[in-house]
Amino acid sequence: MEISGKIPPIKISAYMNNVQEKKKIDGPTEHDPKSVFKEDKVDISRTAREVKKARAQLNNVPDIREEKVAGVKNEIDNGTYRIDGKKIAFNMMRESLIDEIV
């Protein structure tokens, strides 16, 4: 047996014509992409919808509470602004404990 590097030319057009003729006679097959219609569908989870709603609400909240800043500025200007060291220490400890738990 002898194997040569020559490959006989393939008649693709003749093959395609045969396939087209068969489709005309037999009708569309299950594998014909034109005969099968699939619809893409996206299903968003309830959690994702809630996150989207929360983000929209957060976008409506200003980054700076102007009335709070104005109040603190007035207290500083009047000399009535007092810092409660115990309250600050308590909040720092609380945040530290929460961070360890989470």
PDB file of N, CA and C in Angstrom:
ATOM      1  N   MET A   1       0.839  -1.159   0.000  1.00  0.00           N
ATOM      2  CA  MET A   1       0.000   0.000   0.000  1.00  0.00           C
ATOM      3  C   MET A   1       0.891   1.231   0.000  1.00  0.00           C
ATOM      4  N   GLU A   2       0.534   2.184  -0.805  1.00  0.00           N
ATOM      5  CA  GLU A   2       1.325   3.391  -0.921  1.00  0.00           C
ATOM      6  C   GLU A   2       0.463   4.582  -0.502  1.00  0.00           C
ATOM      7  N   ILE A   3       1.014   5.399   0.393  1.00  0.00           N
ATOM      8  CA  ILE A   3       0.310   6.607   0.838  1.00  0.00           C
ATOM      9  C   ILE A   3       1.070   7.795   0.281  1.00  0.00           C
ATOM     10  N   SER A   4       0.367   8.585  -0.453  1.00  0.00           N
ATOM     11  CA  SER A   4       1.009   9.769  -1.018  1.00  0.00           C
ATOM     12  C   SER A   4       0.427  11.007  -0.327  1.00  0.00           C
ATOM     13  N   GLY A   5       1.081  12.116  -0.486  1.00  0.00           N
ATOM     14  CA  GLY A   5       0.617  13.362   0.110  1.00  0.00           C
ATOM     15  C   GLY A   5      -0.458  14.033  -0.714  1.00  0.00           C
ATOM     16  N   LYS A   6      -0.872  13.405  -1.789  1.00  0.00           N
ATOM     17  CA  LYS A   6      -1.879  14.016  -2.645  1.00  0.00           C
ATOM     18  C   LYS A   6      -3.269  13.615  -2.169  1.00  0.00           C
ATOM     19  N   ILE A   7      -4.104  14.630  -1.962  1.00  0.00           N
ATOM     20  CA  ILE A   7      -5.487  14.385  -1.536  1.00  0.00           C
ATOM     21  C   ILE A   7      -6.383  14.784  -2.697  1.00  0.00           C
ATOM     22  N   PRO A   8      -7.281  13.908  -3.088  1.00  0.00           N
ATOM     23  CA  PRO A   8      -8.149  14.262  -4.208  1.00  0.00           C
ATOM     24  C   PRO A   8      -9.015  15.474  -3.831  1.00  0.00           C
ATOM     25  N   PRO A   9      -9.258  16.360  -4.783  1.00  0.00           N
ATOM     26  CA  PRO A   9     -10.069  17.547  -4.482  1.00  0.00           C
ATOM     27  C   PRO A   9     -11.485  17.148  -4.068  1.00  0.00           C
ATOM     28  N   ILE A  10     -11.988  17.826  -3.052  1.00  0.00           N
ATOM     29  CA  ILE A  10     -13.338  17.541  -2.553  1.00  0.00           C
ATOM     30  C   ILE A  10     -14.301  18.525  -3.207  1.00  0.00           C
ATOM     31  N   LYS A  11     -15.365  17.994  -3.665  1.00  0.00           N
ATOM     32  CA  LYS A  11     -16.363  18.820  -4.327  1.00  0.00           C
ATOM     33  C   LYS A  11     -17.375  19.302  -3.273  1.00  0.00           C
ATOM     34  N   ILE A  12     -17.004  20.364  -2.555  1.00  0.00           N
ATOM     35  CA  ILE A  12     -17.855  20.911  -1.500  1.00  0.00           C
ATOM     36  C   ILE A  12     -19.166  21.426  -2.082  1.00  0.00           C
ATOM     37  N   SER A  13     -19.078  22.089  -3.198  1.00  0.00           N
ATOM     38  CA  SER A  13     -20.303  22.660  -3.780  1.00  0.00           C
ATOM     39  C   SER A  13     -21.299  21.559  -4.142  1.00  0.00           C
ATOM     40  N   ALA A  14     -20.804  20.435  -4.642  1.00  0.00           N
ATOM     41  CA  ALA A  14     -21.695  19.322  -4.982  1.00  0.00           C
ATOM     42  C   ALA A  14     -22.342  18.774  -3.710  1.00  0.00           C
ATOM     43  N   TYR A  15     -21.564  18.660  -2.660  1.00  0.00           N
ATOM     44  CA  TYR A  15     -22.093  18.174  -1.378  1.00  0.00           C
ATOM     45  C   TYR A  15     -23.171  19.124  -0.854  1.00  0.00           C
ATOM     46  N   MET A  16     -22.903  20.439  -0.876  1.00  0.00           N
ATOM     47  CA  MET A  16     -23.847  21.426  -0.379  1.00  0.00           C
ATOM     48  C   MET A  16     -25.144  21.398  -1.203  1.00  0.00           C
ATOM     49  N   ASN A  17     -25.002  21.207  -2.510  1.00  0.00           N
ATOM     50  CA  ASN A  17     -26.194  21.099  -3.357  1.00  0.00           C
ATOM     51  C   ASN A  17     -27.036  19.896  -2.961  1.00  0.00           C
ATOM     52  N   ASN A  18     -26.376  18.771  -2.671  1.00  0.00           N
ATOM     53  CA  ASN A  18     -27.095  17.568  -2.245  1.00  0.00           C
ATOM     54  C   ASN A  18     -27.833  17.811  -0.925  1.00  0.00           C
ATOM     55  N   VAL A  19     -27.167  18.506  -0.003  1.00  0.00           N
ATOM     56  CA  VAL A  19     -27.794  18.793   1.298  1.00  0.00           C
ATOM     57  C   VAL A  19     -29.016  19.687   1.099  1.00  0.00           C
ATOM     58  N   GLN A  20     -28.877  20.709   0.267  1.00  0.00           N
ATOM     59  CA  GLN A  20     -29.998  21.619   0.016  1.00  0.00           C
ATOM     60  C   GLN A  20     -31.174  20.888  -0.626  1.00  0.00           C
ATOM     61  N   GLU A  21     -30.874  20.020  -1.569  1.00  0.00           N
ATOM     62  CA  GLU A  21     -31.937  19.252  -2.232  1.00  0.00           C
ATOM     63  C   GLU A  21     -32.643  18.340  -1.240  1.00  0.00           C
ATOM     64  N   LYS A  22     -31.878  17.727  -0.338  1.00  0.00           N
ATOM     65  CA  LYS A  22     -32.460  16.840   0.671  1.00  0.00           C
ATOM     66  C   LYS A  22     -33.379  17.630   1.591  1.00  0.00           C
ATOM     67  N   LYS A  23     -32.986  18.851   1.959  1.00  0.00           N
ATOM     68  CA  LYS A  23     -33.829  19.686   2.825  1.00  0.00           C
ATOM     69  C   LYS A  23     -35.141  20.031   2.138  1.00  0.00           C
ATOM     70  N   LYS A  24     -35.078  20.281   0.843  1.00  0.00           N
ATOM     71  CA  LYS A  24     -36.297  20.609   0.105  1.00  0.00           C
ATOM     72  C   LYS A  24     -37.258  19.425   0.103  1.00  0.00           C
ATOM     73  N   ILE A  25     -36.696  18.235   0.003  1.00  0.00           N
ATOM     74  CA  ILE A  25     -37.532  17.031  -0.063  1.00  0.00           C
ATOM     75  C   ILE A  25     -38.035  16.634   1.323  1.00  0.00           C
ATOM     76  N   ASP A  26     -37.123  16.570   2.291  1.00  0.00           N
ATOM     77  CA  ASP A  26     -37.473  16.077   3.631  1.00  0.00           C
ATOM     78  C   ASP A  26     -38.045  17.157   4.551  1.00  0.00           C
ATOM     79  N   GLY A  27     -37.798  18.399   4.272  1.00  0.00           N
ATOM     80  CA  GLY A  27     -38.207  19.476   5.176  1.00  0.00           C
ATOM     81  C   GLY A  27     -37.113  19.698   6.220  1.00  0.00           C
ATOM     82  N   PRO A  28     -37.302  20.672   7.098  1.00  0.00           N
ATOM     83  CA  PRO A  28     -36.266  20.981   8.095  1.00  0.00           C
ATOM     84  C   PRO A  28     -36.104  19.853   9.102  1.00  0.00           C
ATOM     85  N   THR A  29     -34.888  19.685   9.580  1.00  0.00           N
ATOM     86  CA  THR A  29     -34.582  18.656  10.569  1.00  0.00           C
ATOM     87  C   THR A  29     -34.434  19.301  11.939  1.00  0.00           C
ATOM     88  N   GLU A  30     -34.326  18.482  12.964  1.00  0.00           N
ATOM     89  CA  GLU A  30     -34.153  18.989  14.325  1.00  0.00           C
ATOM     90  C   GLU A  30     -32.859  19.783  14.466  1.00  0.00           C
ATOM     91  N   HIS A  31     -31.857  19.436  13.712  1.00  0.00           N
ATOM     92  CA  HIS A  31     -30.553  20.062  13.844  1.00  0.00           C
ATOM     93  C   HIS A  31     -30.393  21.310  12.982  1.00  0.00           C
ATOM     94  N   ASP A  32     -31.404  21.615  12.193  1.00  0.00           N
ATOM     95  CA  ASP A  32     -31.333  22.797  11.343  1.00  0.00           C
ATOM     96  C   ASP A  32     -31.540  24.034  12.218  1.00  0.00           C
ATOM     97  N   PRO A  33     -30.544  24.911  12.313  1.00  0.00           N
ATOM     98  CA  PRO A  33     -30.667  26.070  13.201  1.00  0.00           C
ATOM     99  C   PRO A  33     -31.830  26.979  12.848  1.00  0.00           C
ATOM    100  N   LYS A  34     -32.238  26.987  11.598  1.00  0.00           N
ATOM    101  CA  LYS A  34     -33.351  27.839  11.201  1.00  0.00           C
ATOM    102  C   LYS A  34     -34.682  27.280  11.693  1.00  0.00           C
ATOM    103  N   SER A  35     -34.750  25.976  11.924  1.00  0.00           N
ATOM    104  CA  SER A  35     -36.007  25.375  12.344  1.00  0.00           C
ATOM    105  C   SER A  35     -36.172  25.379  13.857  1.00  0.00           C
ATOM    106  N   VAL A  36     -35.115  25.637  14.595  1.00  0.00           N
ATOM    107  CA  VAL A  36     -35.176  25.637  16.059  1.00  0.00           C
ATOM    108  C   VAL A  36     -35.021  27.073  16.534  1.00  0.00           C
ATOM    109  N   PHE A  37     -36.004  27.540  17.287  1.00  0.00           N
ATOM    110  CA  PHE A  37     -35.947  28.904  17.810  1.00  0.00           C
ATOM    111  C   PHE A  37     -35.791  28.823  19.323  1.00  0.00           C
ATOM    112  N   LYS A  38     -34.691  29.360  19.806  1.00  0.00           N
ATOM    113  CA  LYS A  38     -34.458  29.382  21.238  1.00  0.00           C
ATOM    114  C   LYS A  38     -34.438  30.834  21.696  1.00  0.00           C
ATOM    115  N   GLU A  39     -35.034  31.068  22.827  1.00  0.00           N
ATOM    116  CA  GLU A  39     -35.123  32.423  23.351  1.00  0.00           C
ATOM    117  C   GLU A  39     -34.202  32.552  24.553  1.00  0.00           C
ATOM    118  N   ASP A  40     -33.399  33.614  24.572  1.00  0.00           N
ATOM    119  CA  ASP A  40     -32.553  33.877  25.726  1.00  0.00           C
ATOM    120  C   ASP A  40     -33.416  34.413  26.849  1.00  0.00           C
ATOM    121  N   LYS A  41     -33.087  34.008  28.065  1.00  0.00           N
ATOM    122  CA  LYS A  41     -33.873  34.435  29.208  1.00  0.00           C
ATOM    123  C   LYS A  41     -32.935  34.743  30.359  1.00  0.00           C
ATOM    124  N   VAL A  42     -33.181  35.854  31.013  1.00  0.00           N
ATOM    125  CA  VAL A  42     -32.390  36.245  32.178  1.00  0.00           C
ATOM    126  C   VAL A  42     -33.313  36.226  33.377  1.00  0.00           C
ATOM    127  N   ASP A  43     -32.897  35.528  34.404  1.00  0.00           N
ATOM    128  CA  ASP A  43     -33.688  35.457  35.626  1.00  0.00           C
ATOM    129  C   ASP A  43     -32.856  36.049  36.756  1.00  0.00           C
ATOM    130  N   ILE A  44     -33.302  37.180  37.285  1.00  0.00           N
ATOM    131  CA  ILE A  44     -32.573  37.865  38.348  1.00  0.00           C
ATOM    132  C   ILE A  44     -33.144  37.412  39.688  1.00  0.00           C
ATOM    133  N   SER A  45     -32.268  37.034  40.591  1.00  0.00           N
ATOM    134  CA  SER A  45     -32.720  36.537  41.883  1.00  0.00           C
ATOM    135  C   SER A  45     -33.339  37.655  42.717  1.00  0.00           C
ATOM    136  N   ARG A  46     -34.076  37.262  43.721  1.00  0.00           N
ATOM    137  CA  ARG A  46     -34.714  38.225  44.615  1.00  0.00           C
ATOM    138  C   ARG A  46     -33.665  39.074  45.323  1.00  0.00           C
ATOM    139  N   THR A  47     -32.575  38.435  45.733  1.00  0.00           N
ATOM    140  CA  THR A  47     -31.501  39.155  46.411  1.00  0.00           C
ATOM    141  C   THR A  47     -30.896  40.207  45.490  1.00  0.00           C
ATOM    142  N   ALA A  48     -30.675  39.857  44.230  1.00  0.00           N
ATOM    143  CA  ALA A  48     -30.107  40.813  43.280  1.00  0.00           C
ATOM    144  C   ALA A  48     -31.042  41.997  43.071  1.00  0.00           C
ATOM    145  N   ARG A  49     -32.353  41.735  43.037  1.00  0.00           N
ATOM    146  CA  ARG A  49     -33.316  42.832  42.901  1.00  0.00           C
ATOM    147  C   ARG A  49     -33.280  43.739  44.122  1.00  0.00           C
ATOM    148  N   GLU A  50     -33.138  43.144  45.312  1.00  0.00           N
ATOM    149  CA  GLU A  50     -33.070  43.943  46.539  1.00  0.00           C
ATOM    150  C   GLU A  50     -31.799  44.780  46.577  1.00  0.00           C
ATOM    151  N   VAL A  51     -30.688  44.207  46.137  1.00  0.00           N
ATOM    152  CA  VAL A  51     -29.423  44.948  46.099  1.00  0.00           C
ATOM    153  C   VAL A  51     -29.539  46.121  45.126  1.00  0.00           C
ATOM    154  N   LYS A  52     -30.150  45.884  43.981  1.00  0.00           N
ATOM    155  CA  LYS A  52     -30.326  46.950  42.991  1.00  0.00           C
ATOM    156  C   LYS A  52     -31.177  48.076  43.570  1.00  0.00           C
ATOM    157  N   LYS A  53     -32.238  47.711  44.281  1.00  0.00           N
ATOM    158  CA  LYS A  53     -33.110  48.713  44.895  1.00  0.00           C
ATOM    159  C   LYS A  53     -32.365  49.499  45.968  1.00  0.00           C
ATOM    160  N   ALA A  54     -31.565  48.807  46.783  1.00  0.00           N
ATOM    161  CA  ALA A  54     -30.795  49.471  47.837  1.00  0.00           C
ATOM    162  C   ALA A  54     -29.772  50.431  47.238  1.00  0.00           C
ATOM    163  N   ARG A  55     -29.118  50.025  46.165  1.00  0.00           N
ATOM    164  CA  ARG A  55     -28.143  50.913  45.505  1.00  0.00           C
ATOM    165  C   ARG A  55     -28.821  52.169  44.969  1.00  0.00           C
ATOM    166  N   ALA A  56     -30.004  52.003  44.394  1.00  0.00           N
ATOM    167  CA  ALA A  56     -30.732  53.156  43.880  1.00  0.00           C
ATOM    168  C   ALA A  56     -31.085  54.118  45.009  1.00  0.00           C
ATOM    169  N   GLN A  57     -31.478  53.577  46.156  1.00  0.00           N
ATOM    170  CA  GLN A  57     -31.804  54.424  47.302  1.00  0.00           C
ATOM    171  C   GLN A  57     -30.557  55.111  47.842  1.00  0.00           C
ATOM    172  N   LEU A  58     -29.436  54.404  47.876  1.00  0.00           N
ATOM    173  CA  LEU A  58     -28.192  55.012  48.355  1.00  0.00           C
ATOM    174  C   LEU A  58     -27.714  56.124  47.436  1.00  0.00           C
ATOM    175  N   ASN A  59     -27.963  55.989  46.155  1.00  0.00           N
ATOM    176  CA  ASN A  59     -27.564  57.038  45.211  1.00  0.00           C
ATOM    177  C   ASN A  59     -28.319  58.337  45.461  1.00  0.00           C
ATOM    178  N   ASN A  60     -29.509  58.244  46.086  1.00  0.00           N
ATOM    179  CA  ASN A  60     -30.303  59.431  46.384  1.00  0.00           C
ATOM    180  C   ASN A  60     -29.891  60.110  47.691  1.00  0.00           C
ATOM    181  N   VAL A  61     -29.088  59.426  48.511  1.00  0.00           N
ATOM    182  CA  VAL A  61     -28.646  59.988  49.785  1.00  0.00           C
ATOM    183  C   VAL A  61     -27.387  60.815  49.534  1.00  0.00           C
ATOM    184  N   PRO A  62     -27.350  62.060  50.026  1.00  0.00           N
ATOM    185  CA  PRO A  62     -26.157  62.880  49.806  1.00  0.00           C
ATOM    186  C   PRO A  62     -24.959  62.340  50.592  1.00  0.00           C
ATOM    187  N   ASP A  63     -23.769  62.571  50.053  1.00  0.00           N
ATOM    188  CA  ASP A  63     -22.550  62.111  50.722  1.00  0.00           C
ATOM    189  C   ASP A  63     -22.280  62.908  51.998  1.00  0.00           C
ATOM    190  N   ILE A  64     -22.656  64.164  52.007  1.00  0.00           N
ATOM    191  CA  ILE A  64     -22.404  65.038  53.153  1.00  0.00           C
ATOM    192  C   ILE A  64     -23.746  65.567  53.656  1.00  0.00           C
ATOM    193  N   ARG A  65     -23.983  65.402  54.957  1.00  0.00           N
ATOM    194  CA  ARG A  65     -25.200  65.952  55.559  1.00  0.00           C
ATOM    195  C   ARG A  65     -24.916  67.400  55.947  1.00  0.00           C
ATOM    196  N   GLU A  66     -25.309  68.292  55.073  1.00  0.00           N
ATOM    197  CA  GLU A  66     -24.981  69.707  55.222  1.00  0.00           C
ATOM    198  C   GLU A  66     -25.472  70.281  56.545  1.00  0.00           C
ATOM    199  N   GLU A  67     -26.664  69.902  56.985  1.00  0.00           N
ATOM    200  CA  GLU A  67     -27.205  70.445  58.239  1.00  0.00           C
ATOM    201  C   GLU A  67     -26.383  70.011  59.445  1.00  0.00           C
ATOM    202  N   LYS A  68     -25.886  68.777  59.407  1.00  0.00           N
ATOM    203  CA  LYS A  68     -25.043  68.276  60.507  1.00  0.00           C
ATOM    204  C   LYS A  68     -23.712  69.025  60.532  1.00  0.00           C
ATOM    205  N   VAL A  69     -23.096  69.219  59.372  1.00  0.00           N
ATOM    206  CA  VAL A  69     -21.817  69.931  59.275  1.00  0.00           C
ATOM    207  C   VAL A  69     -21.988  71.370  59.758  1.00  0.00           C
ATOM    208  N   ALA A  70     -23.085  72.016  59.346  1.00  0.00           N
ATOM    209  CA  ALA A  70     -23.329  73.403  59.763  1.00  0.00           C
ATOM    210  C   ALA A  70     -23.491  73.490  61.272  1.00  0.00           C
ATOM    211  N   GLY A  71     -24.172  72.519  61.860  1.00  0.00           N
ATOM    212  CA  GLY A  71     -24.350  72.512  63.318  1.00  0.00           C
ATOM    213  C   GLY A  71     -23.033  72.381  64.056  1.00  0.00           C
ATOM    214  N   VAL A  72     -22.164  71.469  63.597  1.00  0.00           N
ATOM    215  CA  VAL A  72     -20.855  71.272  64.239  1.00  0.00           C
ATOM    216  C   VAL A  72     -19.989  72.525  64.059  1.00  0.00           C
ATOM    217  N   LYS A  73     -20.030  73.131  62.888  1.00  0.00           N
ATOM    218  CA  LYS A  73     -19.265  74.362  62.662  1.00  0.00           C
ATOM    219  C   LYS A  73     -19.716  75.464  63.616  1.00  0.00           C
ATOM    220  N   ASN A  74     -21.025  75.590  63.805  1.00  0.00           N
ATOM    221  CA  ASN A  74     -21.543  76.599  64.732  1.00  0.00           C
ATOM    222  C   ASN A  74     -21.067  76.336  66.157  1.00  0.00           C
ATOM    223  N   GLU A  75     -21.093  75.077  66.578  1.00  0.00           N
ATOM    224  CA  GLU A  75     -20.630  74.736  67.925  1.00  0.00           C
ATOM    225  C   GLU A  75     -19.147  75.055  68.095  1.00  0.00           C
ATOM    226  N   ILE A  76     -18.347  74.758  67.069  1.00  0.00           N
ATOM    227  CA  ILE A  76     -16.907  75.051  67.133  1.00  0.00           C
ATOM    228  C   ILE A  76     -16.696  76.563  67.212  1.00  0.00           C
ATOM    229  N   ASP A  77     -17.421  77.317  66.369  1.00  0.00           N
ATOM    230  CA  ASP A  77     -17.282  78.773  66.363  1.00  0.00           C
ATOM    231  C   ASP A  77     -17.703  79.384  67.698  1.00  0.00           C
ATOM    232  N   ASN A  78     -18.726  78.833  68.323  1.00  0.00           N
ATOM    233  CA  ASN A  78     -19.230  79.353  69.602  1.00  0.00           C
ATOM    234  C   ASN A  78     -18.430  78.840  70.795  1.00  0.00           C
ATOM    235  N   GLY A  79     -17.581  77.838  70.561  1.00  0.00           N
ATOM    236  CA  GLY A  79     -16.802  77.255  71.660  1.00  0.00           C
ATOM    237  C   GLY A  79     -17.596  76.284  72.511  1.00  0.00           C
ATOM    238  N   THR A  80     -18.703  75.800  71.996  1.00  0.00           N
ATOM    239  CA  THR A  80     -19.547  74.872  72.755  1.00  0.00           C
ATOM    240  C   THR A  80     -19.377  73.421  72.313  1.00  0.00           C
ATOM    241  N   TYR A  81     -18.533  73.169  71.332  1.00  0.00           N
ATOM    242  CA  TYR A  81     -18.327  71.794  70.840  1.00  0.00           C
ATOM    243  C   TYR A  81     -17.472  71.043  71.841  1.00  0.00           C
ATOM    244  N   ARG A  82     -17.986  69.959  72.368  1.00  0.00           N
ATOM    245  CA  ARG A  82     -17.283  69.149  73.360  1.00  0.00           C
ATOM    246  C   ARG A  82     -17.102  67.728  72.828  1.00  0.00           C
ATOM    247  N   ILE A  83     -15.945  67.197  73.079  1.00  0.00           N
ATOM    248  CA  ILE A  83     -15.636  65.829  72.678  1.00  0.00           C
ATOM    249  C   ILE A  83     -15.745  64.950  73.907  1.00  0.00           C
ATOM    250  N   ASP A  84     -16.538  63.885  73.808  1.00  0.00           N
ATOM    251  CA  ASP A  84     -16.714  62.935  74.911  1.00  0.00           C
ATOM    252  C   ASP A  84     -15.771  61.762  74.671  1.00  0.00           C
ATOM    253  N   GLY A  85     -14.653  61.748  75.379  1.00  0.00           N
ATOM    254  CA  GLY A  85     -13.635  60.709  75.215  1.00  0.00           C
ATOM    255  C   GLY A  85     -14.156  59.317  75.513  1.00  0.00           C
ATOM    256  N   LYS A  86     -15.011  59.211  76.548  1.00  0.00           N
ATOM    257  CA  LYS A  86     -15.573  57.897  76.915  1.00  0.00           C
ATOM    258  C   LYS A  86     -16.459  57.357  75.789  1.00  0.00           C
ATOM    259  N   LYS A  87     -17.228  58.241  75.185  1.00  0.00           N
ATOM    260  CA  LYS A  87     -18.113  57.823  74.095  1.00  0.00           C
ATOM    261  C   LYS A  87     -17.285  57.366  72.899  1.00  0.00           C
ATOM    262  N   ILE A  88     -16.223  58.096  72.584  1.00  0.00           N
ATOM    263  CA  ILE A  88     -15.347  57.722  71.469  1.00  0.00           C
ATOM    264  C   ILE A  88     -14.694  56.369  71.738  1.00  0.00           C
ATOM    265  N   ALA A  89     -14.164  56.172  72.966  1.00  0.00           N
ATOM    266  CA  ALA A  89     -13.521  54.897  73.322  1.00  0.00           C
ATOM    267  C   ALA A  89     -14.518  53.748  73.250  1.00  0.00           C
ATOM    268  N   PHE A  90     -15.738  53.987  73.750  1.00  0.00           N
ATOM    269  CA  PHE A  90     -16.770  52.950  73.696  1.00  0.00           C
ATOM    270  C   PHE A  90     -17.066  52.548  72.253  1.00  0.00           C
ATOM    271  N   ASN A  91     -17.245  53.540  71.385  1.00  0.00           N
ATOM    272  CA  ASN A  91     -17.546  53.245  69.974  1.00  0.00           C
ATOM    273  C   ASN A  91     -16.393  52.541  69.276  1.00  0.00           C
ATOM    274  N   MET A  92     -15.156  52.903  69.621  1.00  0.00           N
ATOM    275  CA  MET A  92     -13.999  52.223  69.033  1.00  0.00           C
ATOM    276  C   MET A  92     -13.963  50.754  69.454  1.00  0.00           C
ATOM    277  N   MET A  93     -14.228  50.493  70.733  1.00  0.00           N
ATOM    278  CA  MET A  93     -14.235  49.103  71.219  1.00  0.00           C
ATOM    279  C   MET A  93     -15.376  48.320  70.561  1.00  0.00           C
ATOM    280  N   ARG A  94     -16.543  48.931  70.453  1.00  0.00           N
ATOM    281  CA  ARG A  94     -17.685  48.278  69.832  1.00  0.00           C
ATOM    282  C   ARG A  94     -17.376  47.897  68.384  1.00  0.00           C
ATOM    283  N   GLU A  95     -16.801  48.838  67.634  1.00  0.00           N
ATOM    284  CA  GLU A  95     -16.443  48.563  66.240  1.00  0.00           C
ATOM    285  C   GLU A  95     -15.408  47.453  66.133  1.00  0.00           C
ATOM    286  N   SER A  96     -14.438  47.454  67.068  1.00  0.00           N
ATOM    287  CA  SER A  96     -13.398  46.421  67.064  1.00  0.00           C
ATOM    288  C   SER A  96     -14.005  45.043  67.303  1.00  0.00           C
ATOM    289  N   LEU A  97     -14.932  44.953  68.258  1.00  0.00           N
ATOM    290  CA  LEU A  97     -15.581  43.670  68.551  1.00  0.00           C
ATOM    291  C   LEU A  97     -16.435  43.211  67.371  1.00  0.00           C
ATOM    292  N   ILE A  98     -17.131  44.128  66.753  1.00  0.00           N
ATOM    293  CA  ILE A  98     -17.964  43.773  65.588  1.00  0.00           C
ATOM    294  C   ILE A  98     -17.086  43.250  64.457  1.00  0.00           C
ATOM    295  N   ASP A  99     -15.924  43.909  64.243  1.00  0.00           N
ATOM    296  CA  ASP A  99     -15.019  43.469  63.184  1.00  0.00           C
ATOM    297  C   ASP A  99     -14.500  42.063  63.452  1.00  0.00           C
ATOM    298  N   GLU A 100     -14.250  41.725  64.715  1.00  0.00           N
ATOM    299  CA  GLU A 100     -13.766  40.383  65.049  1.00  0.00           C
ATOM    300  C   GLU A 100     -14.832  39.339  64.845  1.00  0.00           C
ATOM    301  N   ILE A 101     -16.066  39.676  65.151  1.00  0.00           N
ATOM    302  CA  ILE A 101     -17.180  38.721  64.983  1.00  0.00           C
ATOM    303  C   ILE A 101     -17.451  38.472  63.526  1.00  0.00           C
ATOM    304  N   VAL A 102     -17.437  39.511  62.751  1.00  0.00           N
ATOM    305  CA  VAL A 102     -17.750  39.397  61.321  1.00  0.00           C
ATOM    306  C   VAL A 102     -16.523  38.899  60.647  1.00  0.00           C
TER     307      VAL A 102
END
